[in-house]
Amino acid sequence: MASTSTPTATTMTDDIPEMPAPRVRENPAHSIGGGLALLLGLLGLVAGVALSVLGGMAGSAGLKAALITVGVLVAIAAFFAMCGLNMVAPGEARVVQLFGRYRGTIRTDGLRWVNPLTSRTKISTRVRNHETAVLKVNDAYGNPIELAAVVVWKVEDTAQAMFEVDDFLEFVSTQTEAAVRHIAIEYPYDAHEEAGLSLRGNAEEITEKLAVELHARVEAAGVHIIESRFTHLAYAPEIASAMLQRQQAGAVVAARRLIVDGAVGMVEAALTRLTEQDIVELDSERKAAMVSNLLVVLCGDRAAQPVVNTGTLYQ
């Protein structure tokens, strides 16, 4: 990576926005196993109902009222305590707040119990995919191109995801699109210079830079970027045919260059063998004619038509 760094790459690093420092970070919430709490809550409900029944059967009016009142209160208290029970599935968390203040996050799966006065917000910590729509932007050379990317991510800090941004799902979507657009305008689709990076020719390096920029953009939301890849990359339809002709012309030139290099090597080998084995002696003019004929045969698009010389070499 360091050997291929360019001023453009340095500019891109400098352009990465600096997000504000988070005001709150995730910490574990105080909770206990929900099995014991559920058992105690059910026992409290049973005890409240039993006291109410006994109060109804009591002969004394004062004892009757007291037992019914205590029974109702015990049942209400047991039901209220059971409101603190939470079912936490694997890959989920509960963000706990008490009167608007963050009290911690429950990540332990299963049945858990917390203070019933708290509010618990469910948030998924599973790995997610986000695929951008096909974006139309101009590359570094000003050519309109189309590209799309897929980002694999997950929530790493639930407190930041809940309190640092308004909607972390929309935040990730918007910042992903912004990062893809920024990467697209920093690099050309095809590099005219061999040392330069291009979107088509250096996909691995570009996606690594995309991941770095995405991480910097969404870190404030407590999101961790696992992987990012381009899923669509092409010239815009209005210039696709012209760019295809340009690519075809480049391929033809490269093929011709290879053919000429091979033909020159073959001609050189033929002249060397003729000279070393003393098969025929050629002067400079005849050597030039032979080189010309061999290059025409080897580099031509059509099959050569042989001509049988029935005279001497110089006729």
Protein backbone atom coordinates (compact mmCIF):
# COMPACT_ATOMS: atom_id res chain seq x y z
CA MET A 1 0.00 0.00 0.00
CA ALA A 2 2.78 2.41 0.94
CA SER A 3 4.61 1.89 -2.33
CA THR A 4 1.53 2.84 -4.34
CA SER A 5 0.61 5.94 -2.38
CA THR A 6 0.02 9.01 -4.50
CA PRO A 7 -0.79 12.68 -3.83
CA THR A 8 -4.39 11.84 -4.69
CA ALA A 9 -4.47 9.21 -1.96
CA THR A 10 -3.01 11.67 0.53
CA THR A 11 -5.67 14.21 -0.42
CA MET A 12 -8.37 11.59 0.07
CA THR A 13 -7.08 10.84 3.58
CA ASP A 14 -7.08 14.53 4.40
CA ASP A 15 -10.66 14.88 3.14
CA ILE A 16 -12.07 12.25 5.52
CA PRO A 17 -14.43 14.09 7.87
CA GLU A 18 -13.50 14.23 11.53
CA MET A 19 -16.50 13.19 13.60
CA PRO A 20 -17.06 14.58 17.12
CA ALA A 21 -15.92 12.51 20.08
CA PRO A 22 -18.71 10.32 21.51
CA ARG A 23 -20.36 11.60 24.67
CA VAL A 24 -21.47 8.16 25.86
CA ARG A 25 -20.03 4.68 25.49
CA GLU A 26 -21.51 1.27 26.08
CA ASN A 27 -21.23 -0.33 29.52
CA PRO A 28 -22.97 -3.45 30.91
CA ALA A 29 -26.28 -2.89 32.67
CA HIS A 30 -26.92 -4.40 36.08
CA SER A 31 -29.24 -7.37 35.61
CA ILE A 32 -29.93 -10.74 37.20
CA GLY A 33 -31.13 -14.05 35.86
CA GLY A 34 -34.79 -13.89 35.01
CA GLY A 35 -35.65 -17.42 36.16
CA LEU A 36 -35.52 -16.59 39.86
CA ALA A 37 -37.30 -13.28 39.32
CA LEU A 38 -40.07 -15.01 37.36
CA LEU A 39 -40.48 -17.63 40.11
CA LEU A 40 -40.67 -14.99 42.84
CA GLY A 41 -43.13 -12.96 40.79
CA LEU A 42 -45.42 -15.96 40.29
CA LEU A 43 -45.21 -16.81 43.98
CA GLY A 44 -46.13 -13.21 44.78
CA LEU A 45 -49.18 -13.39 42.50
CA VAL A 46 -50.26 -16.67 44.05
CA ALA A 47 -49.77 -15.24 47.54
CA GLY A 48 -51.76 -12.12 46.66
CA VAL A 49 -54.65 -14.19 45.30
CA ALA A 50 -54.53 -16.51 48.32
CA LEU A 51 -54.64 -13.59 50.75
CA SER A 52 -57.58 -12.08 48.90
CA VAL A 53 -59.44 -15.41 49.02
CA LEU A 54 -58.71 -15.81 52.73
CA GLY A 55 -59.86 -12.26 53.32
CA GLY A 56 -63.13 -13.02 51.59
CA MET A 57 -63.63 -16.03 53.85
CA ALA A 58 -62.78 -14.17 57.09
CA GLY A 59 -65.62 -13.49 59.51
CA SER A 60 -64.34 -10.22 60.91
CA ALA A 61 -64.91 -7.19 58.73
CA GLY A 62 -61.65 -5.57 59.80
CA LEU A 63 -59.59 -8.74 59.15
CA LYS A 64 -61.40 -9.26 55.86
CA ALA A 65 -60.56 -5.76 54.62
CA ALA A 66 -56.95 -6.05 55.79
CA LEU A 67 -56.35 -9.40 54.09
CA ILE A 68 -57.92 -8.30 50.82
CA THR A 69 -55.95 -5.06 50.83
CA VAL A 70 -52.66 -6.84 51.54
CA GLY A 71 -53.45 -9.47 48.90
CA VAL A 72 -54.16 -6.88 46.23
CA LEU A 73 -51.00 -4.94 47.10
CA VAL A 74 -48.85 -8.09 47.00
CA ALA A 75 -50.33 -9.09 43.63
CA ILE A 76 -49.76 -5.59 42.20
CA ALA A 77 -46.19 -5.53 43.54
CA ALA A 78 -45.47 -8.98 42.08
CA PHE A 79 -46.93 -8.01 38.70
CA PHE A 80 -44.95 -4.75 38.71
CA ALA A 81 -41.74 -6.62 39.55
CA MET A 82 -42.38 -9.04 36.69
CA CYS A 83 -42.48 -6.08 34.29
CA GLY A 84 -38.70 -5.98 34.67
CA LEU A 85 -38.32 -9.31 32.84
CA ASN A 86 -36.75 -9.23 29.38
CA MET A 87 -36.28 -11.89 26.72
CA VAL A 88 -32.92 -11.26 25.02
CA ALA A 89 -32.31 -13.34 21.90
CA PRO A 90 -28.81 -14.15 20.55
CA GLY A 91 -27.60 -11.31 18.35
CA GLU A 92 -29.71 -8.74 20.20
CA ALA A 93 -29.15 -6.29 23.04
CA ARG A 94 -31.29 -4.12 25.30
CA VAL A 95 -30.33 -0.50 25.91
CA VAL A 96 -31.51 0.36 29.44
CA GLN A 97 -32.56 3.88 30.42
CA LEU A 98 -33.83 5.17 33.75
CA PHE A 99 -35.76 8.44 33.50
CA GLY A 100 -33.89 9.28 30.29
CA ARG A 101 -30.45 8.47 31.66
CA TYR A 102 -28.41 5.67 30.09
CA ARG A 103 -27.86 2.88 32.63
CA GLY A 104 -26.15 0.25 30.49
CA THR A 105 -26.72 -2.46 27.89
CA ILE A 106 -27.85 -6.06 28.36
CA ARG A 107 -26.05 -8.38 25.94
CA THR A 108 -26.47 -11.67 27.83
CA ASP A 109 -29.06 -13.72 26.00
CA GLY A 110 -31.90 -15.45 27.78
CA LEU A 111 -34.38 -14.24 30.40
CA ARG A 112 -32.99 -11.27 32.36
CA TRP A 113 -34.46 -8.99 35.02
CA VAL A 114 -33.74 -5.29 35.53
CA ASN A 115 -35.34 -2.44 37.42
CA PRO A 116 -39.00 -2.30 36.27
CA LEU A 117 -38.87 1.50 36.23
CA THR A 118 -36.35 1.46 33.38
CA SER A 119 -37.14 1.48 29.69
CA ARG A 120 -35.47 -1.14 27.50
CA THR A 121 -34.90 -0.56 23.78
CA LYS A 122 -34.12 -3.54 21.57
CA ILE A 123 -31.25 -3.17 19.14
CA SER A 124 -29.81 -5.80 16.82
CA THR A 125 -26.10 -6.60 16.98
CA ARG A 126 -26.21 -9.05 14.08
CA VAL A 127 -24.09 -8.65 10.95
CA ARG A 128 -25.96 -6.69 8.27
CA ASN A 129 -25.60 -5.91 4.58
CA HIS A 130 -26.23 -2.55 2.99
CA GLU A 131 -26.14 -2.27 -0.79
CA THR A 132 -26.21 1.16 -2.34
CA ALA A 133 -28.23 2.01 -5.39
CA VAL A 134 -26.39 2.43 -8.69
CA LEU A 135 -24.82 5.89 -8.38
CA LYS A 136 -23.90 8.03 -11.37
CA VAL A 137 -20.84 10.21 -10.73
CA ASN A 138 -17.85 11.65 -12.59
CA ASP A 139 -14.48 9.99 -12.08
CA ALA A 140 -11.16 11.82 -11.67
CA TYR A 141 -10.99 12.46 -15.45
CA GLY A 142 -14.53 13.80 -15.55
CA ASN A 143 -15.99 10.75 -17.28
CA PRO A 144 -19.50 9.81 -16.11
CA ILE A 145 -19.51 6.35 -14.55
CA GLU A 146 -21.96 4.16 -12.69
CA LEU A 147 -21.05 2.27 -9.55
CA ALA A 148 -22.62 0.56 -6.57
CA ALA A 149 -21.17 -1.00 -3.44
CA VAL A 150 -22.17 -3.41 -0.70
CA VAL A 151 -21.08 -2.87 2.89
CA VAL A 152 -21.05 -5.54 5.60
CA TRP A 153 -21.39 -3.99 9.05
CA LYS A 154 -22.69 -4.47 12.56
CA VAL A 155 -23.41 -2.39 15.65
CA GLU A 156 -20.41 -2.53 17.96
CA ASP A 157 -21.36 0.12 20.55
CA THR A 158 -25.09 0.14 21.25
CA ALA A 159 -24.95 3.33 23.34
CA GLN A 160 -23.39 5.33 20.50
CA ALA A 161 -25.83 3.84 17.99
CA MET A 162 -28.78 4.92 20.12
CA PHE A 163 -27.67 8.32 21.45
CA GLU A 164 -24.95 9.73 19.17
CA VAL A 165 -27.00 9.77 15.94
CA ASP A 166 -30.69 10.26 15.25
CA ASP A 167 -31.17 7.05 13.23
CA PHE A 168 -28.12 4.82 12.88
CA LEU A 169 -29.62 2.85 9.96
CA GLU A 170 -30.20 5.99 7.91
CA PHE A 171 -26.83 7.35 9.05
CA VAL A 172 -24.97 4.28 7.74
CA SER A 173 -26.89 4.42 4.46
CA THR A 174 -26.15 8.11 3.88
CA GLN A 175 -22.49 7.91 4.87
CA THR A 176 -21.94 4.84 2.69
CA GLU A 177 -23.27 6.68 -0.35
CA ALA A 178 -21.13 9.73 0.47
CA ALA A 179 -17.99 7.59 0.82
CA VAL A 180 -18.63 5.76 -2.47
CA ARG A 181 -19.14 9.07 -4.30
CA HIS A 182 -15.98 10.51 -2.75
CA ILE A 183 -13.89 7.50 -3.77
CA ALA A 184 -15.30 7.64 -7.31
CA ILE A 185 -14.32 11.27 -7.90
CA GLU A 186 -10.80 10.72 -6.50
CA TYR A 187 -9.79 7.98 -8.96
CA PRO A 188 -10.28 7.41 -12.70
CA TYR A 189 -12.15 4.46 -14.13
CA ASP A 190 -9.05 3.54 -16.17
CA ALA A 191 -5.64 5.02 -15.41
CA HIS A 192 -3.79 6.48 -18.42
CA GLU A 193 -0.57 6.20 -16.44
CA GLU A 194 0.74 2.79 -15.43
CA ALA A 195 1.72 3.97 -11.93
CA GLY A 196 -1.69 5.48 -11.15
CA LEU A 197 -4.53 3.74 -9.37
CA SER A 198 -7.81 3.15 -11.16
CA LEU A 199 -11.21 1.88 -10.12
CA ARG A 200 -11.14 -0.99 -12.61
CA GLY A 201 -7.50 -1.96 -12.41
CA ASN A 202 -6.89 -1.62 -8.66
CA ALA A 203 -10.13 -2.83 -7.11
CA GLU A 204 -8.47 -4.32 -4.02
CA GLU A 205 -6.58 -1.15 -3.11
CA ILE A 206 -9.59 1.07 -3.77
CA THR A 207 -11.94 -1.07 -1.66
CA GLU A 208 -9.43 -0.96 1.20
CA LYS A 209 -9.45 2.83 1.02
CA LEU A 210 -13.25 2.76 0.88
CA ALA A 211 -13.34 0.66 4.06
CA VAL A 212 -10.99 3.09 5.83
CA GLU A 213 -13.12 6.09 4.88
CA LEU A 214 -16.35 4.31 5.81
CA HIS A 215 -14.93 3.40 9.21
CA ALA A 216 -14.01 7.02 9.86
CA ARG A 217 -17.48 8.21 8.81
CA VAL A 218 -19.60 5.75 10.83
CA GLU A 219 -17.40 5.28 13.88
CA ALA A 220 -19.37 7.98 15.72
CA ALA A 221 -22.49 5.80 15.45
CA GLY A 222 -20.79 2.83 17.11
CA VAL A 223 -20.78 0.88 13.83
CA HIS A 224 -17.99 -1.48 12.76
CA ILE A 225 -17.33 -1.98 9.03
CA ILE A 226 -16.47 -5.62 8.34
CA GLU A 227 -16.07 -5.46 4.55
CA SER A 228 -16.90 -3.26 1.59
CA ARG A 229 -16.92 -4.18 -2.10
CA PHE A 230 -17.95 -2.65 -5.40
CA THR A 231 -20.82 -4.63 -6.92
CA HIS A 232 -21.28 -2.56 -10.08
CA LEU A 233 -18.74 -0.53 -12.03
CA ALA A 234 -19.26 0.68 -15.60
CA TYR A 235 -19.15 3.72 -17.82
CA ALA A 236 -22.39 5.66 -18.14
CA PRO A 237 -24.47 4.63 -21.19
CA GLU A 238 -23.85 7.92 -23.03
CA ILE A 239 -20.10 7.29 -23.27
CA ALA A 240 -19.97 3.52 -22.98
CA SER A 241 -19.68 2.93 -26.75
CA ALA A 242 -16.92 5.51 -27.16
CA MET A 243 -14.96 4.10 -24.23
CA LEU A 244 -15.43 0.59 -25.59
CA GLN A 245 -13.87 1.68 -28.88
CA ARG A 246 -11.01 3.23 -26.95
CA GLN A 247 -10.44 0.02 -25.02
CA GLN A 248 -10.61 -2.02 -28.21
CA ALA A 249 -8.11 0.29 -29.89
CA GLY A 250 -5.78 -0.08 -26.92
CA ALA A 251 -6.08 -3.85 -27.09
CA VAL A 252 -5.34 -3.84 -30.84
CA VAL A 253 -2.26 -1.63 -30.33
CA ALA A 254 -0.99 -3.89 -27.54
CA ALA A 255 -1.53 -6.99 -29.70
CA ARG A 256 0.25 -5.40 -32.67
CA ARG A 257 3.15 -4.41 -30.47
CA LEU A 258 3.49 -8.00 -29.28
CA ILE A 259 3.30 -9.31 -32.84
CA VAL A 260 5.98 -6.89 -34.04
CA ASP A 261 8.27 -7.75 -31.12
CA GLY A 262 7.91 -11.46 -31.91
CA ALA A 263 8.44 -10.92 -35.65
CA VAL A 264 11.62 -8.93 -35.09
CA GLY A 265 12.96 -11.71 -32.88
CA MET A 266 12.15 -14.34 -35.49
CA VAL A 267 13.81 -12.33 -38.28
CA GLU A 268 16.89 -11.80 -36.14
CA ALA A 269 17.08 -15.52 -35.36
CA ALA A 270 16.69 -16.41 -39.07
CA LEU A 271 19.49 -14.07 -40.18
CA THR A 272 21.74 -15.30 -37.39
CA ARG A 273 21.29 -18.95 -38.34
CA LEU A 274 21.81 -18.23 -42.05
CA THR A 275 25.05 -16.45 -41.23
CA GLU A 276 26.34 -19.00 -38.70
CA GLN A 277 25.64 -22.04 -40.88
CA ASP A 278 26.88 -20.28 -44.03
CA ILE A 279 23.79 -21.32 -45.97
CA VAL A 280 23.73 -18.25 -48.16
CA GLU A 281 25.71 -15.02 -48.28
CA LEU A 282 23.61 -11.88 -48.38
CA ASP A 283 24.75 -8.34 -48.88
CA SER A 284 23.14 -5.41 -47.03
CA GLU A 285 20.57 -4.76 -49.76
CA ARG A 286 19.43 -8.40 -49.89
CA LYS A 287 19.30 -8.57 -46.09
CA ALA A 288 17.04 -5.50 -46.07
CA ALA A 289 14.79 -7.09 -48.69
CA MET A 290 14.64 -10.33 -46.72
CA VAL A 291 13.82 -8.50 -43.48
CA SER A 292 11.09 -6.56 -45.25
CA ASN A 293 9.55 -9.68 -46.74
CA LEU A 294 9.68 -11.62 -43.46
CA LEU A 295 8.08 -8.76 -41.50
CA VAL A 296 5.32 -8.47 -44.08
CA VAL A 297 4.62 -12.20 -43.81
CA LEU A 298 4.79 -12.36 -40.02
CA CYS A 299 2.91 -9.13 -39.27
CA GLY A 300 0.31 -9.26 -42.03
CA ASP A 301 -3.36 -9.95 -41.37
CA ARG A 302 -3.70 -12.21 -44.42
CA ALA A 303 -1.95 -15.39 -45.38
CA ALA A 304 1.14 -14.85 -47.54
CA GLN A 305 1.12 -15.85 -51.21
CA PRO A 306 4.39 -17.66 -51.96
CA VAL A 307 6.36 -16.69 -55.06
CA VAL A 308 8.82 -19.28 -56.43
CA ASN A 309 12.03 -17.66 -57.70
CA THR A 310 13.34 -19.79 -60.60
CA GLY A 311 16.24 -17.54 -61.32
CA THR A 312 19.22 -16.48 -59.27
CA LEU A 313 19.11 -14.80 -55.90
CA TYR A 314 19.69 -11.39 -57.52
CA GLN A 315 16.98 -11.64 -60.17
